Amino acid sequence: MTHKPPPKSAFSGMKTHPSAATAHSWVDPAPFRAHVRHLTEATGLSWRAVPAAARLSPALVEHLLFGRAGRPLRRLSHSAAKALFELTPQKLAAGHRRRQPASA
């Protein structure tokens, strides 16, 4: 299976949230949600392997995939989107192998 990251157009709809103390870029989370699902399907790993490999909060990836309080995540920070965008199945699998404890 070939790696198909979210389209670069996923970054084009960036918005600045008016209530943020400083300007913060947001993107539509849907392409990145699909990307995380693709990563887990391509590698056979749990979604829990993704945050460690992308250096993101496990709660963020959980909310991206499953929503929060029954509601889907409406926006994703540009930095989190970029971290997910740069993660390939090969990088995820390689990172997972490096973190495995040695067998006794």
Protein backbone atom coordinates (compact mmCIF):
# COMPACT_ATOMS: atom_id res chain seq x y z
CA MET A 1 0.00 0.00 0.00
CA THR A 2 1.42 3.37 -0.95
CA HIS A 3 1.49 6.26 1.46
CA LYS A 4 -0.96 9.00 0.58
CA PRO A 5 -0.66 12.00 2.90
CA PRO A 6 -3.38 14.62 3.19
CA PRO A 7 -3.42 16.96 0.19
CA LYS A 8 -1.51 20.21 0.55
CA SER A 9 -4.86 21.92 0.06
CA ALA A 10 -5.72 20.71 3.58
CA PHE A 11 -3.44 23.50 4.79
CA SER A 12 -5.04 26.15 2.56
CA GLY A 13 -8.10 26.71 4.75
CA MET A 14 -6.12 27.93 7.73
CA LYS A 15 -8.04 30.30 9.94
CA THR A 16 -7.10 32.47 12.85
CA HIS A 17 -9.23 31.88 15.90
CA PRO A 18 -10.44 35.28 17.17
CA SER A 19 -10.34 34.36 20.86
CA ALA A 20 -6.70 33.29 20.80
CA ALA A 21 -4.37 35.62 22.68
CA THR A 22 -1.92 35.29 19.81
CA ALA A 23 -2.69 34.42 16.21
CA HIS A 24 -2.92 30.64 15.89
CA SER A 25 -3.42 28.81 12.61
CA TRP A 26 -6.13 26.17 12.36
CA VAL A 27 -6.90 23.61 9.67
CA ASP A 28 -9.78 21.26 8.92
CA PRO A 29 -9.08 18.02 10.84
CA ALA A 30 -10.86 15.64 8.43
CA PRO A 31 -7.89 14.92 6.10
CA PHE A 32 -5.61 14.34 9.08
CA ARG A 33 -8.14 12.06 10.76
CA ALA A 34 -8.16 10.00 7.56
CA HIS A 35 -4.36 10.08 7.47
CA VAL A 36 -4.09 8.68 11.02
CA ARG A 37 -6.53 5.91 10.10
CA HIS A 38 -4.46 5.17 6.99
CA LEU A 39 -1.28 5.00 9.11
CA THR A 40 -2.82 2.51 11.52
CA GLU A 41 -4.26 0.36 8.72
CA ALA A 42 -1.00 0.37 6.75
CA THR A 43 1.14 -0.59 9.75
CA GLY A 44 -1.27 -2.69 11.80
CA LEU A 45 -0.40 -0.56 14.83
CA SER A 46 -2.82 0.98 17.29
CA TRP A 47 -3.63 4.67 17.03
CA ARG A 48 -1.72 4.99 20.31
CA ALA A 49 1.57 4.59 18.41
CA VAL A 50 0.87 7.76 16.39
CA PRO A 51 1.22 10.46 19.07
CA ALA A 52 4.63 9.17 20.20
CA ALA A 53 5.94 9.03 16.64
CA ALA A 54 4.55 12.47 15.76
CA ARG A 55 5.50 13.95 19.17
CA LEU A 56 1.92 14.92 19.90
CA SER A 57 -0.31 14.53 22.92
CA PRO A 58 -2.14 11.19 23.04
CA ALA A 59 -5.29 13.13 24.03
CA LEU A 60 -5.07 15.23 20.87
CA VAL A 61 -4.92 12.18 18.61
CA GLU A 62 -7.70 10.50 20.59
CA HIS A 63 -9.92 13.58 20.20
CA LEU A 64 -9.03 13.78 16.51
CA LEU A 65 -10.15 10.20 15.92
CA PHE A 66 -13.04 9.80 18.33
CA GLY A 67 -14.18 13.30 19.19
CA ARG A 68 -14.66 14.82 22.58
CA ALA A 69 -17.85 14.52 24.62
CA GLY A 70 -19.58 12.98 21.60
CA ARG A 71 -18.59 15.79 19.25
CA PRO A 72 -15.95 15.59 16.52
CA LEU A 73 -12.90 17.82 16.67
CA ARG A 74 -13.68 20.92 14.59
CA ARG A 75 -10.18 22.25 14.09
CA LEU A 76 -6.57 21.16 14.32
CA SER A 77 -3.58 23.37 14.92
CA HIS A 78 -1.27 23.90 11.99
CA SER A 79 1.67 22.52 13.99
CA ALA A 80 -0.19 19.29 14.87
CA ALA A 81 -1.34 18.95 11.25
CA LYS A 82 2.24 19.39 10.04
CA ALA A 83 3.52 16.75 12.48
CA LEU A 84 0.91 14.28 11.26
CA PHE A 85 1.49 15.20 7.61
CA GLU A 86 5.19 14.36 7.94
CA LEU A 87 4.50 10.94 9.48
CA THR A 88 4.59 8.06 6.99
CA PRO A 89 3.77 4.39 7.60
CA GLN A 90 7.49 3.65 7.30
CA LYS A 91 8.41 6.25 9.93
CA LEU A 92 5.64 5.04 12.23
CA ALA A 93 6.71 1.40 11.94
CA ALA A 94 10.40 2.26 12.36
CA GLY A 95 9.71 4.39 15.43
CA HIS A 96 7.58 1.65 16.94
CA ARG A 97 10.36 -0.94 16.49
CA ARG A 98 12.88 1.38 18.20
CA ARG A 99 10.61 1.81 21.25
CA GLN A 100 9.99 -1.92 21.77
CA PRO A 101 11.67 -3.35 24.89
CA ALA A 102 14.18 -6.12 24.31
CA SER A 103 12.92 -9.63 24.97
CA ALA A 104 14.48 -11.47 27.90
